[in-house]
C-alpha atoms as a PDB file:
ATOM      1  CA  MET A   1     121.593  62.010 157.255  1.00  0.00           C
ATOM      2  CA  ALA A   2     120.192  62.388 153.548  1.00  0.00           C
ATOM      3  CA  GLY A   3     120.225  65.806 152.055  1.00  0.00           C
ATOM      4  CA  ILE A   4     118.047  68.374 153.230  1.00  0.00           C
ATOM      5  CA  ASN A   5     117.712  72.193 152.393  1.00  0.00           C
ATOM      6  CA  TYR A   6     119.562  74.859 154.039  1.00  0.00           C
ATOM      7  CA  SER A   7     116.312  76.501 155.536  1.00  0.00           C
ATOM      8  CA  GLU A   8     115.144  73.380 156.988  1.00  0.00           C
ATOM      9  CA  PHE A   9     118.987  72.499 158.509  1.00  0.00           C
ATOM     10  CA  ALA A  10     118.982  76.043 159.772  1.00  0.00           C
ATOM     11  CA  ASN A  11     115.664  75.872 161.816  1.00  0.00           C
ATOM     12  CA  ARG A  12     116.298  72.297 162.873  1.00  0.00           C
ATOM     13  CA  PHE A  13     120.235  72.780 163.673  1.00  0.00           C
ATOM     14  CA  ALA A  14     119.757  73.702 167.606  1.00  0.00           C
ATOM     15  CA  GLY A  15     117.834  70.446 168.045  1.00  0.00           C
ATOM     16  CA  ILE A  16     119.905  68.405 165.476  1.00  0.00           C
ATOM     17  CA  LYS A  17     122.679  65.919 167.199  1.00  0.00           C
ATOM     18  CA  PRO A  18     125.941  67.214 166.131  1.00  0.00           C
ATOM     19  CA  SER A  19     127.202  65.432 163.450  1.00  0.00           C
ATOM     20  CA  PRO A  20     131.273  64.646 163.089  1.00  0.00           C
ATOM     21  CA  VAL A  21     131.165  65.617 159.008  1.00  0.00           C
ATOM     22  CA  TYR A  22     129.198  68.025 157.379  1.00  0.00           C
ATOM     23  CA  LEU A  23     128.925  68.849 153.606  1.00  0.00           C
ATOM     24  CA  PHE A  24     127.500  72.176 152.396  1.00  0.00           C
ATOM     25  CA  VAL A  25     126.534  71.958 148.259  1.00  0.00           C
ATOM     26  CA  GLY A  26     124.936  74.608 146.121  1.00  0.00           C
ATOM     27  CA  PRO A  27     125.273  77.867 144.259  1.00  0.00           C
ATOM     28  CA  GLU A  28     124.272  80.068 147.318  1.00  0.00           C
ATOM     29  CA  ARG A  29     127.205  81.451 148.740  1.00  0.00           C
ATOM     30  CA  PHE A  30     125.182  82.868 151.529  1.00  0.00           C
ATOM     31  CA  PHE A  31     123.803  79.764 152.695  1.00  0.00           C
ATOM     32  CA  ILE A  32     127.161  77.984 152.592  1.00  0.00           C
ATOM     33  CA  GLU A  33     128.765  80.692 154.897  1.00  0.00           C
ATOM     34  CA  GLU A  34     126.095  80.846 157.248  1.00  0.00           C
ATOM     35  CA  GLY A  35     125.877  77.157 157.700  1.00  0.00           C
ATOM     36  CA  VAL A  36     129.421  76.844 158.130  1.00  0.00           C
ATOM     37  CA  ARG A  37     129.407  79.719 160.542  1.00  0.00           C
ATOM     38  CA  LEU A  38     126.534  78.216 162.860  1.00  0.00           C
ATOM     39  CA  VAL A  39     128.578  74.966 162.818  1.00  0.00           C
ATOM     40  CA  LYS A  40     131.798  76.292 163.464  1.00  0.00           C
ATOM     41  CA  GLU A  41     130.575  78.290 166.799  1.00  0.00           C
ATOM     42  CA  ARG A  42     128.738  75.486 168.120  1.00  0.00           C
ATOM     43  CA  PHE A  43     131.724  72.977 168.311  1.00  0.00           C
ATOM     44  CA  LEU A  44     133.794  75.626 169.275  1.00  0.00           C
ATOM     45  CA  GLU A  45     132.009  77.369 171.820  1.00  0.00           C
ATOM     46  CA  GLY A  46     134.024  77.575 174.932  1.00  0.00           C
ATOM     47  CA  GLY A  47     137.174  76.131 173.513  1.00  0.00           C
ATOM     48  CA  ILE A  48     140.344  77.837 172.472  1.00  0.00           C
ATOM     49  CA  LYS A  49     139.914  78.420 168.606  1.00  0.00           C
ATOM     50  CA  GLU A  50     143.298  79.664 167.589  1.00  0.00           C
ATOM     51  CA  PHE A  51     144.592  75.981 168.308  1.00  0.00           C
ATOM     52  CA  ASN A  52     141.360  74.156 167.029  1.00  0.00           C
ATOM     53  CA  TYR A  53     140.273  75.637 163.933  1.00  0.00           C
ATOM     54  CA  ASP A  54     141.563  75.441 160.451  1.00  0.00           C
ATOM     55  CA  SER A  55     139.900  76.930 157.334  1.00  0.00           C
ATOM     56  CA  ILE A  56     141.615  75.848 153.789  1.00  0.00           C
ATOM     57  CA  TYR A  57     140.860  75.717 150.450  1.00  0.00           C
ATOM     58  CA  ALA A  58     140.787  72.253 148.854  1.00  0.00           C
ATOM     59  CA  ALA A  59     143.158  73.285 145.845  1.00  0.00           C
ATOM     60  CA  ASP A  60     145.625  73.773 148.792  1.00  0.00           C
ATOM     61  CA  ILE A  61     145.931  70.824 150.698  1.00  0.00           C
ATOM     62  CA  LYS A  62     145.387  66.750 149.825  1.00  0.00           C
ATOM     63  CA  PRO A  63     142.914  64.606 151.102  1.00  0.00           C
ATOM     64  CA  SER A  64     145.749  62.353 153.184  1.00  0.00           C
ATOM     65  CA  LYS A  65     146.872  65.897 154.758  1.00  0.00           C
ATOM     66  CA  VAL A  66     143.033  66.728 156.140  1.00  0.00           C
ATOM     67  CA  ILE A  67     142.686  63.168 157.579  1.00  0.00           C
ATOM     68  CA  GLU A  68     146.031  64.114 159.311  1.00  0.00           C
ATOM     69  CA  ILE A  69     144.494  67.096 160.734  1.00  0.00           C
ATOM     70  CA  ALA A  70     141.311  65.644 161.609  1.00  0.00           C
ATOM     71  CA  GLU A  71     142.844  63.105 163.774  1.00  0.00           C
ATOM     72  CA  THR A  72     144.618  65.352 165.794  1.00  0.00           C
ATOM     73  CA  LEU A  73     143.274  65.722 168.784  1.00  0.00           C
ATOM     74  CA  PRO A  74     141.845  69.148 170.287  1.00  0.00           C
ATOM     75  CA  VAL A  75     143.862  71.284 172.483  1.00  0.00           C
ATOM     76  CA  MET A  76     142.162  72.341 176.175  1.00  0.00           C
ATOM     77  CA  THR A  77     138.453  71.556 174.477  1.00  0.00           C
ATOM     78  CA  SER A  78     136.362  68.833 173.259  1.00  0.00           C
ATOM     79  CA  TYR A  79     136.418  69.547 169.913  1.00  0.00           C
ATOM     80  CA  ARG A  80     138.645  70.843 166.696  1.00  0.00           C
ATOM     81  CA  VAL A  81     136.836  71.985 163.704  1.00  0.00           C
ATOM     82  CA  ILE A  82     138.367  71.723 159.900  1.00  0.00           C
ATOM     83  CA  VAL A  83     136.610  73.637 157.213  1.00  0.00           C
ATOM     84  CA  VAL A  84     137.668  72.366 153.471  1.00  0.00           C
ATOM     85  CA  LYS A  85     136.510  74.826 150.821  1.00  0.00           C
ATOM     86  CA  GLY A  86     135.697  73.899 147.499  1.00  0.00           C
ATOM     87  CA  ILE A  87     136.277  70.271 147.385  1.00  0.00           C
ATOM     88  CA  ASP A  88     134.275  70.140 143.731  1.00  0.00           C
ATOM     89  CA  GLY A  89     137.903  71.309 142.671  1.00  0.00           C
ATOM     90  CA  TRP A  90     139.013  67.625 143.773  1.00  0.00           C
ATOM     91  CA  THR A  91     139.307  65.130 141.520  1.00  0.00           C
ATOM     92  CA  THR A  92     136.972  62.121 141.845  1.00  0.00           C
ATOM     93  CA  LYS A  93     140.333  59.861 142.877  1.00  0.00           C
ATOM     94  CA  GLU A  94     141.120  62.709 145.548  1.00  0.00           C
ATOM     95  CA  LYS A  95     137.508  63.148 146.897  1.00  0.00           C
ATOM     96  CA  GLU A  96     137.404  58.938 147.418  1.00  0.00           C
ATOM     97  CA  GLY A  97     140.667  59.447 149.399  1.00  0.00           C
ATOM     98  CA  LEU A  98     138.558  60.976 152.159  1.00  0.00           C
ATOM     99  CA  LEU A  99     136.106  57.818 151.925  1.00  0.00           C
ATOM    100  CA  SER A 100     138.035  56.040 154.679  1.00  0.00           C
ATOM    101  CA  TYR A 101     137.400  59.243 156.961  1.00  0.00           C
ATOM    102  CA  ILE A 102     133.945  59.569 156.169  1.00  0.00           C
ATOM    103  CA  ASN A 103     133.181  56.325 157.003  1.00  0.00           C
ATOM    104  CA  ASN A 104     134.732  56.149 160.308  1.00  0.00           C
ATOM    105  CA  PRO A 105     135.136  59.964 161.509  1.00  0.00           C
ATOM    106  CA  SER A 106     137.182  60.914 164.550  1.00  0.00           C
ATOM    107  CA  LYS A 107     134.570  61.652 167.394  1.00  0.00           C
ATOM    108  CA  THR A 108     136.554  64.949 168.629  1.00  0.00           C
ATOM    109  CA  THR A 109     136.704  66.831 164.929  1.00  0.00           C
ATOM    110  CA  CYS A 110     133.905  68.371 163.161  1.00  0.00           C
ATOM    111  CA  LEU A 111     134.909  68.071 159.372  1.00  0.00           C
ATOM    112  CA  ILE A 112     132.795  70.725 157.227  1.00  0.00           C
ATOM    113  CA  LEU A 113     133.030  70.550 153.480  1.00  0.00           C
ATOM    114  CA  THR A 114     131.894  72.888 150.912  1.00  0.00           C
ATOM    115  CA  ALA A 115     130.966  72.659 147.173  1.00  0.00           C
ATOM    116  CA  THR A 116     128.958  74.538 144.608  1.00  0.00           C
ATOM    117  CA  LYS A 117     128.556  71.308 143.104  1.00  0.00           C
ATOM    118  CA  LEU A 118     129.141  67.249 143.259  1.00  0.00           C
ATOM    119  CA  ASP A 119     128.000  64.239 141.180  1.00  0.00           C
ATOM    120  CA  ARG A 120     125.566  62.260 143.434  1.00  0.00           C
ATOM    121  CA  ARG A 121     126.654  59.494 141.565  1.00  0.00           C
ATOM    122  CA  GLU A 122     129.917  59.463 142.846  1.00  0.00           C
ATOM    123  CA  LYS A 123     130.851  57.008 145.975  1.00  0.00           C
ATOM    124  CA  PHE A 124     132.087  59.575 147.895  1.00  0.00           C
ATOM    125  CA  THR A 125     128.631  61.816 147.637  1.00  0.00           C
ATOM    126  CA  ALA A 126     126.937  58.724 148.348  1.00  0.00           C
ATOM    127  CA  ALA A 127     129.406  58.089 151.348  1.00  0.00           C
ATOM    128  CA  VAL A 128     128.495  61.753 152.394  1.00  0.00           C
ATOM    129  CA  GLU A 129     124.527  61.541 152.191  1.00  0.00           C
ATOM    130  CA  LYS A 130     125.023  58.004 154.231  1.00  0.00           C
ATOM    131  CA  ASN A 131     127.272  59.055 157.100  1.00  0.00           C
ATOM    132  CA  ALA A 132     127.041  62.782 157.158  1.00  0.00           C
ATOM    133  CA  THR A 133     125.098  65.727 157.509  1.00  0.00           C
ATOM    134  CA  PHE A 134     124.638  66.500 153.943  1.00  0.00           C
ATOM    135  CA  VAL A 135     122.916  70.157 153.341  1.00  0.00           C
ATOM    136  CA  LEU A 136     121.553  71.768 149.976  1.00  0.00           C
ATOM    137  CA  CYS A 137     122.326  75.220 149.622  1.00  0.00           C
ATOM    138  CA  GLN A 138     120.308  76.815 146.895  1.00  0.00           C
ATOM    139  CA  PRO A 139     118.656  80.010 145.499  1.00  0.00           C
ATOM    140  CA  LEU A 140     115.208  81.055 147.128  1.00  0.00           C
ATOM    141  CA  TYR A 141     112.398  81.344 144.771  1.00  0.00           C
ATOM    142  CA  LYS A 142     111.077  85.202 144.803  1.00  0.00           C
ATOM    143  CA  GLN A 143     108.401  84.406 147.190  1.00  0.00           C
ATOM    144  CA  GLN A 144     110.808  82.687 149.525  1.00  0.00           C
ATOM    145  CA  LEU A 145     113.197  85.607 149.152  1.00  0.00           C
ATOM    146  CA  ILE A 146     110.229  87.985 150.147  1.00  0.00           C
ATOM    147  CA  GLY A 147     109.691  86.060 153.546  1.00  0.00           C
ATOM    148  CA  TRP A 148     113.467  85.800 154.155  1.00  0.00           C
ATOM    149  CA  ILE A 149     113.730  89.550 153.556  1.00  0.00           C
ATOM    150  CA  LYS A 150     110.863  90.157 156.019  1.00  0.00           C
ATOM    151  CA  GLN A 151     112.465  87.717 158.647  1.00  0.00           C
ATOM    152  CA  GLU A 152     115.625  89.411 158.582  1.00  0.00           C
ATOM    153  CA  VAL A 153     114.431  92.752 159.115  1.00  0.00           C
ATOM    154  CA  ARG A 154     112.030  91.545 161.998  1.00  0.00           C
ATOM    155  CA  ARG A 155     115.647  90.087 163.692  1.00  0.00           C
ATOM    156  CA  SER A 156     116.602  94.070 163.595  1.00  0.00           C
ATOM    157  CA  GLY A 157     113.827  94.688 165.706  1.00  0.00           C
ATOM    158  CA  LYS A 158     112.038  96.970 162.658  1.00  0.00           C
ATOM    159  CA  GLY A 159     109.141  96.236 160.654  1.00  0.00           C
ATOM    160  CA  ILE A 160     108.921  97.038 156.618  1.00  0.00           C
ATOM    161  CA  ASP A 161     106.399  97.708 154.095  1.00  0.00           C
ATOM    162  CA  ASP A 162     105.581  95.332 151.281  1.00  0.00           C
ATOM    163  CA  GLU A 163     106.614  97.476 148.845  1.00  0.00           C
ATOM    164  CA  ALA A 164     110.018  98.374 150.401  1.00  0.00           C
ATOM    165  CA  VAL A 165     110.820  94.465 150.403  1.00  0.00           C
ATOM    166  CA  TYR A 166     109.590  93.778 147.026  1.00  0.00           C
ATOM    167  CA  MET A 167     112.022  96.876 146.153  1.00  0.00           C
ATOM    168  CA  LEU A 168     114.906  95.466 148.013  1.00  0.00           C
ATOM    169  CA  ALA A 169     114.374  91.890 146.303  1.00  0.00           C
ATOM    170  CA  ASP A 170     114.328  93.608 142.785  1.00  0.00           C
ATOM    171  CA  MET A 171     117.377  95.638 143.556  1.00  0.00           C
ATOM    172  CA  THR A 172     119.785  92.975 144.645  1.00  0.00           C
ATOM    173  CA  GLY A 173     118.227  89.996 143.157  1.00  0.00           C
ATOM    174  CA  ASN A 174     119.610  86.614 144.134  1.00  0.00           C
ATOM    175  CA  ASP A 175     122.335  87.522 145.614  1.00  0.00           C
ATOM    176  CA  MET A 176     121.840  87.055 149.218  1.00  0.00           C
ATOM    177  CA  LEU A 177     125.097  87.834 150.623  1.00  0.00           C
ATOM    178  CA  SER A 178     124.615  91.639 148.966  1.00  0.00           C
ATOM    179  CA  LEU A 179     121.142  91.536 149.938  1.00  0.00           C
ATOM    180  CA  ARG A 180     121.805  90.802 153.734  1.00  0.00           C
ATOM    181  CA  SER A 181     124.566  93.835 153.609  1.00  0.00           C
ATOM    182  CA  ASP A 182     121.826  95.900 152.120  1.00  0.00           C
ATOM    183  CA  ILE A 183     119.494  94.959 155.057  1.00  0.00           C
ATOM    184  CA  GLU A 184     122.036  96.121 157.635  1.00  0.00           C
ATOM    185  CA  LYS A 185     122.871  99.410 155.726  1.00  0.00           C
ATOM    186  CA  LEU A 186     119.223 100.239 155.446  1.00  0.00           C
ATOM    187  CA  THR A 187     118.469  99.423 158.994  1.00  0.00           C
ATOM    188  CA  MET A 188     121.204 101.632 160.082  1.00  0.00           C
ATOM    189  CA  TYR A 189     120.262 104.490 157.814  1.00  0.00           C
ATOM    190  CA  CYS A 190     116.184 104.038 159.568  1.00  0.00           C
ATOM    191  CA  LYS A 191     117.685 103.509 162.896  1.00  0.00           C
ATOM    192  CA  ASP A 192     115.309 105.914 164.608  1.00  0.00           C
ATOM    193  CA  LYS A 193     112.631 104.174 162.728  1.00  0.00           C
ATOM    194  CA  LYS A 194     110.341 101.590 164.019  1.00  0.00           C
ATOM    195  CA  SER A 195     109.349 100.732 160.382  1.00  0.00           C
ATOM    196  CA  MET A 196     110.668 101.225 157.141  1.00  0.00           C
ATOM    197  CA  SER A 197     108.936 102.263 153.840  1.00  0.00           C
ATOM    198  CA  ILE A 198     109.661 102.210 150.074  1.00  0.00           C
ATOM    199  CA  ASN A 199     110.942 105.558 150.258  1.00  0.00           C
ATOM    200  CA  ASP A 200     113.609 104.661 152.890  1.00  0.00           C
ATOM    201  CA  VAL A 201     114.903 102.322 150.634  1.00  0.00           C
ATOM    202  CA  ALA A 202     115.479 104.930 147.392  1.00  0.00           C
ATOM    203  CA  ALA A 203     116.662 107.344 149.997  1.00  0.00           C
ATOM    204  CA  ALA A 204     119.167 104.962 151.345  1.00  0.00           C
ATOM    205  CA  SER A 205     119.991 103.713 147.841  1.00  0.00           C
ATOM    206  CA  SER A 206     123.082 105.964 147.822  1.00  0.00           C
ATOM    207  CA  SER A 207     124.875 103.902 150.396  1.00  0.00           C
ATOM    208  CA  MET A 208     123.375 100.497 149.121  1.00  0.00           C
ATOM    209  CA  ARG A 209     122.472 100.125 145.251  1.00  0.00           C
ATOM    210  CA  SER A 210     121.866 102.311 142.557  1.00  0.00           C
ATOM    211  CA  VAL A 211     118.166 103.199 142.120  1.00  0.00           C
ATOM    212  CA  SER A 212     118.858 104.264 138.376  1.00  0.00           C
ATOM    213  CA  VAL A 213     118.946 101.071 137.141  1.00  0.00           C
ATOM    214  CA  PHE A 214     115.000 100.885 137.507  1.00  0.00           C
ATOM    215  CA  GLU A 215     114.730 104.153 135.638  1.00  0.00           C
ATOM    216  CA  VAL A 216     116.689 102.757 132.679  1.00  0.00           C
ATOM    217  CA  VAL A 217     114.212  99.705 132.493  1.00  0.00           C
ATOM    218  CA  ASN A 218     111.512 102.167 133.100  1.00  0.00           C
ATOM    219  CA  ALA A 219     112.447 104.567 129.949  1.00  0.00           C
ATOM    220  CA  MET A 220     112.829 101.443 127.904  1.00  0.00           C
ATOM    221  CA  VAL A 221     109.317  99.690 128.229  1.00  0.00           C
ATOM    222  CA  GLU A 222     108.044 103.427 128.202  1.00  0.00           C
ATOM    223  CA  ARG A 223     110.096 104.409 124.988  1.00  0.00           C
ATOM    224  CA  ARG A 224     112.009 107.304 126.657  1.00  0.00           C
ATOM    225  CA  TYR A 225     115.023 107.209 124.818  1.00  0.00           C
ATOM    226  CA  LYS A 226     116.515 110.690 125.912  1.00  0.00           C
ATOM    227  CA  ASP A 227     115.615 109.624 129.459  1.00  0.00           C
ATOM    228  CA  GLY A 228     116.864 106.221 129.259  1.00  0.00           C
ATOM    229  CA  VAL A 229     120.378 107.216 128.168  1.00  0.00           C
ATOM    230  CA  TYR A 230     120.714 109.811 130.934  1.00  0.00           C
ATOM    231  CA  PHE A 231     119.760 106.941 133.334  1.00  0.00           C
ATOM    232  CA  LEU A 232     122.042 104.536 131.711  1.00  0.00           C
ATOM    233  CA  LYS A 233     125.144 106.790 131.973  1.00  0.00           C
ATOM    234  CA  ARG A 234     124.218 107.652 135.321  1.00  0.00           C
ATOM    235  CA  ALA A 235     123.844 103.967 136.519  1.00  0.00           C
ATOM    236  CA  LEU A 236     127.279 103.452 134.712  1.00  0.00           C
ATOM    237  CA  ASP A 237     128.884 106.055 136.641  1.00  0.00           C
ATOM    238  CA  GLU A 238     127.536 104.954 139.863  1.00  0.00           C
ATOM    239  CA  GLY A 239     129.317 101.530 139.199  1.00  0.00           C
ATOM    240  CA  GLU A 240     126.173  99.262 138.252  1.00  0.00           C
ATOM    241  CA  PRO A 241     127.858  96.575 136.201  1.00  0.00           C
ATOM    242  CA  PRO A 242     126.346  96.330 132.484  1.00  0.00           C
ATOM    243  CA  VAL A 243     125.721  92.498 132.954  1.00  0.00           C
ATOM    244  CA  ARG A 244     123.101  93.465 136.027  1.00  0.00           C
ATOM    245  CA  ILE A 245     120.988  96.720 134.307  1.00  0.00           C
ATOM    246  CA  PHE A 246     120.691  94.120 131.392  1.00  0.00           C
ATOM    247  CA  TYR A 247     119.537  91.170 133.454  1.00  0.00           C
ATOM    248  CA  PHE A 248     116.879  93.631 134.732  1.00  0.00           C
ATOM    249  CA  ILE A 249     115.725  94.646 131.343  1.00  0.00           C
ATOM    250  CA  VAL A 250     115.519  91.184 130.704  1.00  0.00           C
ATOM    251  CA  LYS A 251     113.450  90.374 133.816  1.00  0.00           C
ATOM    252  CA  GLU A 252     110.949  93.073 132.962  1.00  0.00           C
ATOM    253  CA  LEU A 253     110.550  92.383 129.577  1.00  0.00           C
ATOM    254  CA  ARG A 254     110.509  88.943 130.015  1.00  0.00           C
ATOM    255  CA  ALA A 255     107.398  89.163 132.435  1.00  0.00           C
ATOM    256  CA  MET A 256     105.621  91.656 129.801  1.00  0.00           C
ATOM    257  CA  LEU A 257     105.774  88.992 126.887  1.00  0.00           C
ATOM    258  CA  LYS A 258     104.393  86.382 129.375  1.00  0.00           C
ATOM    259  CA  ALA A 259     101.571  88.663 130.316  1.00  0.00           C
ATOM    260  CA  ARG A 260     101.173  89.721 127.042  1.00  0.00           C
ATOM    261  CA  THR A 261     100.440  86.206 125.789  1.00  0.00           C
ATOM    262  CA  LEU A 262      97.936  85.775 128.545  1.00  0.00           C
ATOM    263  CA  ILE A 263      96.145  88.968 127.722  1.00  0.00           C
ATOM    264  CA  ASP A 264      96.206  87.689 124.037  1.00  0.00           C
ATOM    265  CA  ALA A 265      94.469  84.235 125.450  1.00  0.00           C
ATOM    266  CA  GLY A 266      91.666  86.431 127.243  1.00  0.00           C
ATOM    267  CA  GLU A 267      93.032  87.164 130.391  1.00  0.00           C
ATOM    268  CA  SER A 268      92.446  91.268 131.985  1.00  0.00           C
ATOM    269  CA  PRO A 269      95.995  93.303 132.024  1.00  0.00           C
ATOM    270  CA  GLU A 270      95.295  93.290 135.587  1.00  0.00           C
ATOM    271  CA  ARG A 271      94.960  89.463 136.327  1.00  0.00           C
ATOM    272  CA  ALA A 272      97.837  88.720 133.902  1.00  0.00           C
ATOM    273  CA  ALA A 273     100.504  90.968 135.984  1.00  0.00           C
ATOM    274  CA  ILE A 274      99.657  88.997 138.870  1.00  0.00           C
ATOM    275  CA  ARG A 275      99.842  85.706 137.049  1.00  0.00           C
ATOM    276  CA  VAL A 276     103.652  86.653 136.157  1.00  0.00           C
ATOM    277  CA  GLY A 277     104.421  87.467 139.591  1.00  0.00           C
ATOM    278  CA  VAL A 278     104.127  91.430 139.737  1.00  0.00           C
ATOM    279  CA  PRO A 279     103.803  92.494 143.078  1.00  0.00           C
ATOM    280  CA  PRO A 280     100.611  94.087 143.942  1.00  0.00           C
ATOM    281  CA  PHE A 281     101.518  97.898 143.989  1.00  0.00           C
ATOM    282  CA  LYS A 282     102.766  97.786 140.589  1.00  0.00           C
ATOM    283  CA  VAL A 283      99.975  95.908 138.966  1.00  0.00           C
ATOM    284  CA  LYS A 284      98.279  99.135 137.834  1.00  0.00           C
ATOM    285  CA  GLU A 285     101.542 100.902 136.379  1.00  0.00           C
ATOM    286  CA  PHE A 286     102.735  97.477 134.871  1.00  0.00           C
ATOM    287  CA  SER A 287      99.478  96.950 133.157  1.00  0.00           C
ATOM    288  CA  GLN A 288      99.546 100.269 131.414  1.00  0.00           C
ATOM    289  CA  ARG A 289     103.231  99.540 130.134  1.00  0.00           C
ATOM    290  CA  LEU A 290     101.725  96.801 128.545  1.00  0.00           C
ATOM    291  CA  GLN A 291      99.382  98.658 126.644  1.00  0.00           C
ATOM    292  CA  LYS A 292     102.278 100.394 124.585  1.00  0.00           C
ATOM    293  CA  PHE A 293     103.637  96.844 123.567  1.00  0.00           C
ATOM    294  CA  PRO A 294     101.818  94.517 121.527  1.00  0.00           C
ATOM    295  CA  THR A 295     102.755  90.882 121.217  1.00  0.00           C
ATOM    296  CA  ARG A 296     104.304  91.423 118.092  1.00  0.00           C
ATOM    297  CA  ASP A 297     106.862  94.173 119.381  1.00  0.00           C
ATOM    298  CA  LEU A 298     107.755  92.259 122.208  1.00  0.00           C
ATOM    299  CA  ILE A 299     108.580  89.492 120.378  1.00  0.00           C
ATOM    300  CA  THR A 300     110.983  91.516 118.132  1.00  0.00           C
ATOM    301  CA  LEU A 301     112.764  93.236 120.831  1.00  0.00           C
ATOM    302  CA  PHE A 302     113.209  89.879 122.431  1.00  0.00           C
ATOM    303  CA  ASP A 303     115.327  88.984 119.442  1.00  0.00           C
ATOM    304  CA  LYS A 304     117.385  91.855 120.048  1.00  0.00           C
ATOM    305  CA  LEU A 305     117.736  90.986 123.523  1.00  0.00           C
ATOM    306  CA  ILE A 306     119.137  87.655 122.467  1.00  0.00           C
ATOM    307  CA  ASP A 307     121.627  89.529 119.473  1.00  0.00           C
ATOM    308  CA  ALA A 308     122.554  92.143 123.026  1.00  0.00           C
ATOM    309  CA  ASP A 309     123.209  88.805 125.175  1.00  0.00           C
ATOM    310  CA  SER A 310     125.941  87.440 122.512  1.00  0.00           C
ATOM    311  CA  SER A 311     127.296  90.977 122.090  1.00  0.00           C
ATOM    312  CA  LEU A 312     127.973  91.411 126.019  1.00  0.00           C
ATOM    313  CA  LYS A 313     129.237  88.091 126.228  1.00  0.00           C
ATOM    314  CA  GLY A 314     131.791  88.445 122.762  1.00  0.00           C
ATOM    315  CA  GLY A 315     133.340  91.382 124.260  1.00  0.00           C
ATOM    316  CA  ALA A 316     133.510  93.130 120.665  1.00  0.00           C
ATOM    317  CA  VAL A 317     131.575  96.146 121.504  1.00  0.00           C
ATOM    318  CA  ARG A 318     131.886  97.929 124.808  1.00  0.00           C
ATOM    319  CA  PRO A 319     128.871  97.088 127.199  1.00  0.00           C
ATOM    320  CA  GLY A 320     127.569 100.745 127.654  1.00  0.00           C
ATOM    321  CA  ILE A 321     126.937 100.819 123.795  1.00  0.00           C
ATOM    322  CA  VAL A 322     125.636  97.557 123.795  1.00  0.00           C
ATOM    323  CA  LEU A 323     122.756  98.608 126.066  1.00  0.00           C
ATOM    324  CA  GLU A 324     122.421 102.056 124.514  1.00  0.00           C
ATOM    325  CA  ASN A 325     121.557 100.080 121.487  1.00  0.00           C
ATOM    326  CA  LEU A 326     118.860  98.437 123.305  1.00  0.00           C
ATOM    327  CA  LEU A 327     117.285 101.265 124.377  1.00  0.00           C
ATOM    328  CA  LEU A 328     117.455 102.634 120.690  1.00  0.00           C
ATOM    329  CA  SER A 329     115.750  99.062 119.874  1.00  0.00           C
ATOM    330  CA  ALA A 330     112.833  99.989 122.406  1.00  0.00           C
ATOM    331  CA  SER A 331     112.058 103.699 120.874  1.00  0.00           C
ATOM    332  CA  GLY A 332     112.214 102.159 117.462  1.00  0.00           C
ATOM    333  CA  THR A 333     114.912 104.707 116.429  1.00  0.00           C
ATOM    334  CA  VAL A 334     117.934 101.939 115.934  1.00  0.00           C
ATOM    335  CA  ARG A 335     120.888 103.375 114.196  1.00  0.00           C
ATOM    336  CA  PRO A 336     121.664 101.235 110.776  1.00  0.00           C
ATOM    337  CA  GLY A 337     123.279  98.042 111.464  1.00  0.00           C
ATOM    338  CA  GLY A 338     122.450  98.376 115.307  1.00  0.00           C
ATOM    339  CA  LYS A 339     125.878 100.163 115.685  1.00  0.00           C
ATOM    340  CA  PRO A 340     126.328 103.685 117.354  1.00  0.00           C
END
């Protein structure tokens, strides 16, 4: 089967004829882990897992050994399952060592391979696309992510407001493993409620993720330096990674610059906000923020974001100080030379 995206694979999995070889490839760890789980449970259902399941990192095994295990008959069941993780760590020659097996796999073994990235021009990848189930595990777009959150919450037997959905998505970004964990914690926190609101997300944040990071962003784009420094220190004390705080600052300012460009071209602030993907319940607040930042100021601040990005990657200045200087930039009171 040629490559299919994970969502299509998951939706069709129950009706798809089992394959002797699966390859899950892409940067989205959650889909890879969920895919491996689905396949493993299907093949090992009712069997003795202890004797018929192997999970190995490619760095710790040679392809020839994988073939040896794969050709071993299962014990007291119909199938054995082998998971080989991170095969993109193998050389091209090592991957080609599996070609003979990929082209003629054992009928009593399910071989599951995972990788973050593969060269589709290689013979190995072409053989997998032709003879195996090739599943592409890519991150979801924002609207897809929103739909996925709603679906996961429904599976828990609860409902959720749109505002709460958007807040969950913003708090976690595209890290779906963390997002799944946050949804589980939120549903446990709201165990006596049929539907969850944005207030529930905020109240449960102490057991999930810090809300302080959003206050940092708010203070920056509203030029409230003192508040920004307070929430920055609080977010860092709560364990927020500086790079994650920076991500949300960049995300907000990028949206503001895109919207400001649309306004300069004749769009209304509300329409511009909607076009850059601002959730409906945030449109009014976002439009008001835009009034405080003319295009010139946003471009200037973006230049400082580039400098901050270099400083964060360079490691010469503590990340907290880099972020504090960004707040100073937004307030218009940067210290000489950008140094604290």
